[in-house]
Protein backbone atom coordinates (compact mmCIF):
# COMPACT_ATOMS: atom_id res chain seq x y z
CA MET A 1 -21.72 51.42 10.21
CA ASP A 2 -18.57 52.79 8.97
CA ARG A 3 -17.03 51.40 5.81
CA LYS A 4 -14.23 50.19 7.05
CA LYS A 5 -16.19 47.66 9.88
CA VAL A 6 -18.31 46.90 6.95
CA GLY A 7 -15.58 46.04 4.88
CA ARG A 8 -13.93 44.06 7.63
CA TYR A 9 -16.98 41.59 7.85
CA ALA A 10 -17.12 41.26 5.03
CA VAL A 11 -13.58 40.03 4.88
CA LEU A 12 -14.20 37.66 7.58
CA GLY A 13 -17.82 36.28 6.08
CA ILE A 14 -15.57 35.34 3.23
CA LEU A 15 -12.81 33.50 5.17
CA PHE A 16 -15.27 31.96 7.20
CA PHE A 17 -18.05 30.54 4.03
CA LEU A 18 -15.56 30.17 1.37
CA PRO A 19 -13.61 26.77 3.03
CA VAL A 20 -17.29 25.29 4.00
CA ALA A 21 -18.51 26.09 0.55
CA PHE A 22 -15.34 23.75 -0.81
CA LEU A 23 -16.48 21.20 1.58
CA LEU A 24 -19.93 20.96 0.30
CA ILE A 25 -18.96 20.62 -3.16
CA LEU A 26 -16.81 17.95 -2.34
CA TYR A 27 -18.58 16.41 -0.26
CA PRO A 28 -20.84 14.94 -3.24
CA SER A 29 -17.77 13.41 -4.57
CA THR A 30 -16.38 11.49 -1.54
CA HIS A 31 -18.69 8.48 -2.65
CA ASN A 32 -17.68 8.48 -5.81
CA TYR A 33 -14.12 8.58 -5.98
CA GLN A 34 -11.79 5.75 -8.52
CA PRO A 35 -11.57 2.60 -5.52
CA LEU A 36 -7.61 0.97 -6.20
CA ASP A 37 -7.54 -1.06 -8.94
CA ILE A 38 -7.50 -5.23 -8.45
CA VAL A 39 -4.64 -6.20 -10.50
CA GLN A 40 -4.73 -9.64 -8.97
CA GLU A 41 -6.93 -12.35 -6.64
CA GLN A 42 -6.29 -15.19 -4.97
CA VAL A 43 -3.57 -14.27 -3.84
CA LEU A 44 -2.03 -17.41 -1.57
CA ASP A 45 -2.51 -16.85 2.16
CA LEU A 46 0.47 -17.50 4.29
CA GLU A 47 -0.47 -21.13 6.51
CA ALA A 48 2.95 -22.36 5.27
CA PHE A 49 4.66 -19.84 7.28
CA THR A 50 5.78 -19.14 10.31
CA SER A 51 6.07 -16.52 13.20
CA ASP A 52 7.51 -15.27 16.85
CA THR A 53 3.93 -13.87 17.71
CA ASP A 54 1.63 -15.55 19.39
CA GLU A 55 -1.04 -15.09 16.47
CA PRO A 56 -0.89 -16.91 13.54
CA VAL A 57 -0.10 -13.79 11.08
CA VAL A 58 -2.18 -14.11 7.93
CA LEU A 59 -3.48 -12.33 4.82
CA LYS A 60 -6.90 -12.62 5.36
CA ASP A 61 -8.96 -9.79 6.97
CA HIS A 62 -5.97 -7.42 6.79
CA ILE A 63 -4.69 -4.86 4.97
CA THR A 64 -0.96 -5.87 4.01
CA VAL A 65 2.08 -4.73 2.43
CA LEU A 66 4.17 -7.43 1.58
CA GLY A 67 7.58 -8.17 1.09
CA PHE A 68 10.70 -10.11 0.35
CA LEU A 69 13.47 -9.52 1.72
CA GLY A 70 15.85 -12.59 1.06
CA THR A 71 18.22 -14.33 3.08
CA ASP A 72 20.41 -11.75 3.93
CA PRO A 73 18.32 -9.53 4.93
CA MET A 74 20.65 -6.30 5.92
CA LYS A 75 22.01 -5.66 2.21
CA ASN A 76 18.70 -4.24 1.75
CA ALA A 77 18.41 -2.51 4.54
CA ILE A 78 17.78 0.91 2.71
CA GLU A 79 14.23 -1.04 1.26
CA ALA A 80 14.00 -1.87 4.89
CA SER A 81 13.92 1.54 6.21
CA ASN A 82 12.04 2.89 3.77
CA LEU A 83 9.16 0.98 4.52
CA LYS A 84 9.35 1.35 7.72
CA GLU A 85 9.81 5.71 7.65
CA LEU A 86 7.88 6.21 4.36
CA ILE A 87 4.92 3.60 5.53
CA TYR A 88 4.84 1.84 8.47
CA ASP A 89 5.00 5.17 10.72
CA LYS A 90 2.16 6.68 8.67
CA PHE A 91 -0.27 3.87 8.45
CA LYS A 92 0.58 1.48 11.79
CA GLY A 93 -2.21 2.92 13.66
CA PHE A 94 -5.12 1.96 10.82
CA LYS A 95 -7.32 -0.61 11.50
CA LYS A 96 -6.11 -3.83 10.40
CA PHE A 97 -3.00 -2.44 8.75
CA GLN A 98 -0.06 -5.15 9.06
CA LEU A 99 3.47 -5.00 7.31
CA VAL A 100 4.46 -8.80 6.47
CA ILE A 101 8.11 -10.12 5.35
CA LEU A 102 8.19 -12.48 3.67
CA MET A 103 11.98 -14.76 5.13
CA PRO A 104 13.34 -17.85 4.79
CA LYS A 105 13.75 -20.21 7.23
CA GLY A 106 16.85 -19.99 9.25
CA THR A 107 16.96 -15.61 8.78
CA GLU A 108 15.89 -15.41 11.49
CA GLU A 109 19.11 -14.33 14.14
CA ALA A 110 19.73 -11.52 11.11
CA VAL A 111 16.07 -10.38 11.02
CA LYS A 112 16.71 -9.05 14.28
CA GLU A 113 20.19 -7.58 13.22
CA LEU A 114 17.74 -5.45 10.66
CA ILE A 115 15.58 -4.74 13.19
CA ALA A 116 18.15 -3.41 15.41
CA GLU A 117 19.59 -1.00 12.41
CA ILE A 118 15.89 0.52 11.51
CA ASN A 119 14.35 0.50 14.66
CA SER A 120 14.79 3.20 16.95
CA TYR A 121 12.29 1.39 20.16
CA ASP A 122 8.95 2.15 18.22
CA ASP A 123 6.19 0.16 18.00
CA ILE A 124 6.18 -2.64 15.60
CA ARG A 125 4.03 -4.61 16.85
CA PHE A 126 2.54 -4.33 13.10
CA TRP A 127 5.14 -5.07 11.50
CA HIS A 128 5.29 -8.98 11.09
CA PHE A 129 8.58 -11.13 9.96
CA VAL A 130 7.38 -14.73 8.62
CA TYR A 131 9.42 -17.73 7.38
CA GLY A 132 9.04 -20.86 5.05
CA ASN A 133 10.88 -23.02 3.00
CA PRO A 134 12.37 -20.86 -0.12
CA ALA A 135 9.27 -23.67 -2.31
CA ASP A 136 6.76 -21.48 -0.25
CA ILE A 137 7.97 -18.34 -0.17
CA LYS A 138 8.11 -19.08 -4.76
CA ARG A 139 4.59 -19.90 -4.56
CA VAL A 140 3.63 -16.91 -2.56
CA TYR A 141 5.34 -14.62 -5.15
CA PHE A 142 3.98 -16.41 -8.17
CA SER A 143 0.59 -15.71 -7.40
CA LEU A 144 1.10 -12.25 -7.17
CA LYS A 145 1.04 -9.82 -10.56
CA SER A 146 4.63 -8.39 -10.47
CA LYS A 147 7.20 -7.55 -13.70
CA THR A 148 10.36 -9.32 -12.08
CA ASP A 149 10.93 -12.40 -11.02
CA LEU A 150 12.79 -12.73 -7.06
CA LYS A 151 16.74 -12.98 -6.76
CA PRO A 152 18.41 -16.04 -6.36
CA ASP A 153 18.58 -14.96 -2.88
CA LEU A 154 14.26 -14.71 -2.91
CA SER A 155 14.64 -10.99 -2.44
CA THR A 156 13.35 -7.85 -4.87
CA ALA A 157 12.98 -4.30 -3.93
CA ASP A 158 9.41 -4.61 -4.73
CA VAL A 159 6.25 -4.85 -2.25
CA PHE A 160 2.66 -5.23 -3.22
CA ILE A 161 -0.10 -3.68 -1.66
CA ILE A 162 -2.93 -6.81 -0.44
CA ASP A 163 -6.79 -6.44 0.51
CA LYS A 164 -8.74 -8.06 3.30
CA ASP A 165 -10.07 -10.48 0.26
CA LEU A 166 -6.07 -11.61 -0.60
CA ASN A 167 -6.54 -9.16 -3.99
CA GLN A 168 -3.42 -7.85 -4.87
CA ARG A 169 -3.69 -3.58 -5.39
CA GLY A 170 -2.06 -1.90 -7.55
CA ARG A 171 -3.04 0.25 -11.19
CA LEU A 172 -3.82 -0.98 -14.51
CA ASP A 173 -3.19 1.86 -16.16
CA ASP A 174 -0.41 4.54 -14.35
CA ARG A 175 -0.12 6.53 -17.19
CA THR A 176 1.18 10.46 -16.96
CA ASP A 177 -1.13 12.83 -18.22
CA LYS A 178 1.38 13.90 -20.89
CA GLU A 179 1.12 9.51 -21.42
CA LEU A 180 -2.66 9.91 -21.77
CA GLU A 181 -2.63 13.00 -24.27
CA LYS A 182 -0.45 11.16 -26.60
CA ASN A 183 -2.18 7.89 -26.38
CA SER A 184 1.09 5.59 -25.33
CA PRO A 185 0.30 2.18 -24.35
CA ILE A 186 -0.64 0.68 -21.27
CA TYR A 187 1.28 -0.52 -18.75
CA GLY A 188 0.46 -0.87 -14.94
CA LEU A 189 1.93 -0.71 -11.25
CA ASN A 190 1.46 -4.12 -9.53
CA GLY A 191 4.69 -3.97 -6.32
CA TYR A 192 6.31 -0.72 -5.16
CA ASP A 193 10.13 -0.14 -5.47
CA CYS A 194 11.35 0.35 -2.27
CA ILE A 195 14.09 2.05 -3.73
CA GLU A 196 12.30 4.83 -5.66
CA VAL A 197 11.58 7.25 -2.69
CA ALA A 198 9.45 9.20 -4.78
CA GLU A 199 7.49 6.07 -5.50
CA VAL A 200 6.70 5.02 -2.02
CA LYS A 201 5.82 8.11 -0.77
CA ASN A 202 3.63 9.28 -2.99
CA LYS A 203 2.09 6.98 -5.29
CA MET A 204 2.25 3.52 -2.27
CA SER A 205 0.91 6.13 -0.08
CA ASP A 206 -1.65 7.36 -2.30
CA ASP A 207 -3.03 4.10 -3.06
CA LEU A 208 -3.29 2.70 1.10
CA ARG A 209 -5.53 5.37 2.49
CA ILE A 210 -7.49 4.89 -0.96
CA VAL A 211 -8.24 1.17 0.04
CA PHE A 212 -8.87 2.14 3.35
CA THR A 213 -11.52 4.51 2.48
CA GLU A 214 -13.18 2.16 0.25
CA TYR A 215 -13.53 -0.56 2.99
CA ARG A 216 -14.25 2.40 5.92
CA GLN A 217 -16.94 3.48 3.50
CA LYS A 218 -18.14 -0.01 3.51
CA ARG A 219 -18.45 -0.44 7.03
CA LYS A 220 -20.70 2.78 6.93
CA GLY A 221 -22.27 1.26 3.70
CA GLU A 222 -21.45 4.47 1.78
CA PHE A 223 -19.11 2.26 -0.76
CA ASN A 224 -21.11 2.52 -4.56
CA SER A 225 -18.45 2.37 -6.44
CA ASP A 226 -17.20 -0.51 -9.20
CA ILE A 227 -13.15 -2.01 -8.54
CA ARG A 228 -11.61 -2.17 -11.80
CA ARG A 229 -9.60 -5.62 -12.40
CA ALA A 230 -7.12 -7.14 -14.21
CA GLY A 231 -8.46 -7.69 -18.00
CA ASP A 232 -10.03 -4.69 -18.38
CA LEU A 233 -8.07 -2.10 -19.81
CA LYS A 234 -6.90 -3.52 -23.30
CA GLY A 235 -2.69 -4.05 -23.05
CA SER A 236 -2.53 -4.12 -19.32
CA THR A 237 0.93 -6.30 -18.91
CA LYS A 238 1.28 -9.33 -17.17
């Protein structure tokens, strides 16, 4: 066998076995990844709300992206559009995923206008608008951990990740590597600003994937990592 053939086979062997070796190195770590932190427990469910669906819309036993678009949702069409393109379209095929927006009663027609604005005949079966009194909307919002209050029109640009057990998920420590090196004060990430495309596209998308991975591993009996909860880190913000 001449040297050219030997060299060719060697290159082919390296190209084949290198990715396999890389996956084998990564495999032991897949069961010990860092799950997404619980930043708040016992988020209120949606028994006080109604919807246009035949079945009641609830948070329990679902992985939910929860939002608030207020009395004039068309003013928040950019937030809704970012949510659809960057989150809903990406995760709508995942088991038990839903996107739920809490709306004041009387905004049903405005919601139809918003849906027509952001939807191009796509499947939005897992995007629910539910309707309640202002007091009920505030109760749910106050059960969340957030850095800002609802606006007077009951809207906010932030959306929140709620797991199947009514826990709000996020990051107790959202410092960058440089901030960690400088030992900067700890700050968290409880809600994701839908105006900030990078935050939704990168951080929120990654965090949702972590939650789905956690529940998939739990179903397989492979999940063996503790979840950090609010209070585990000194200096975590309210």
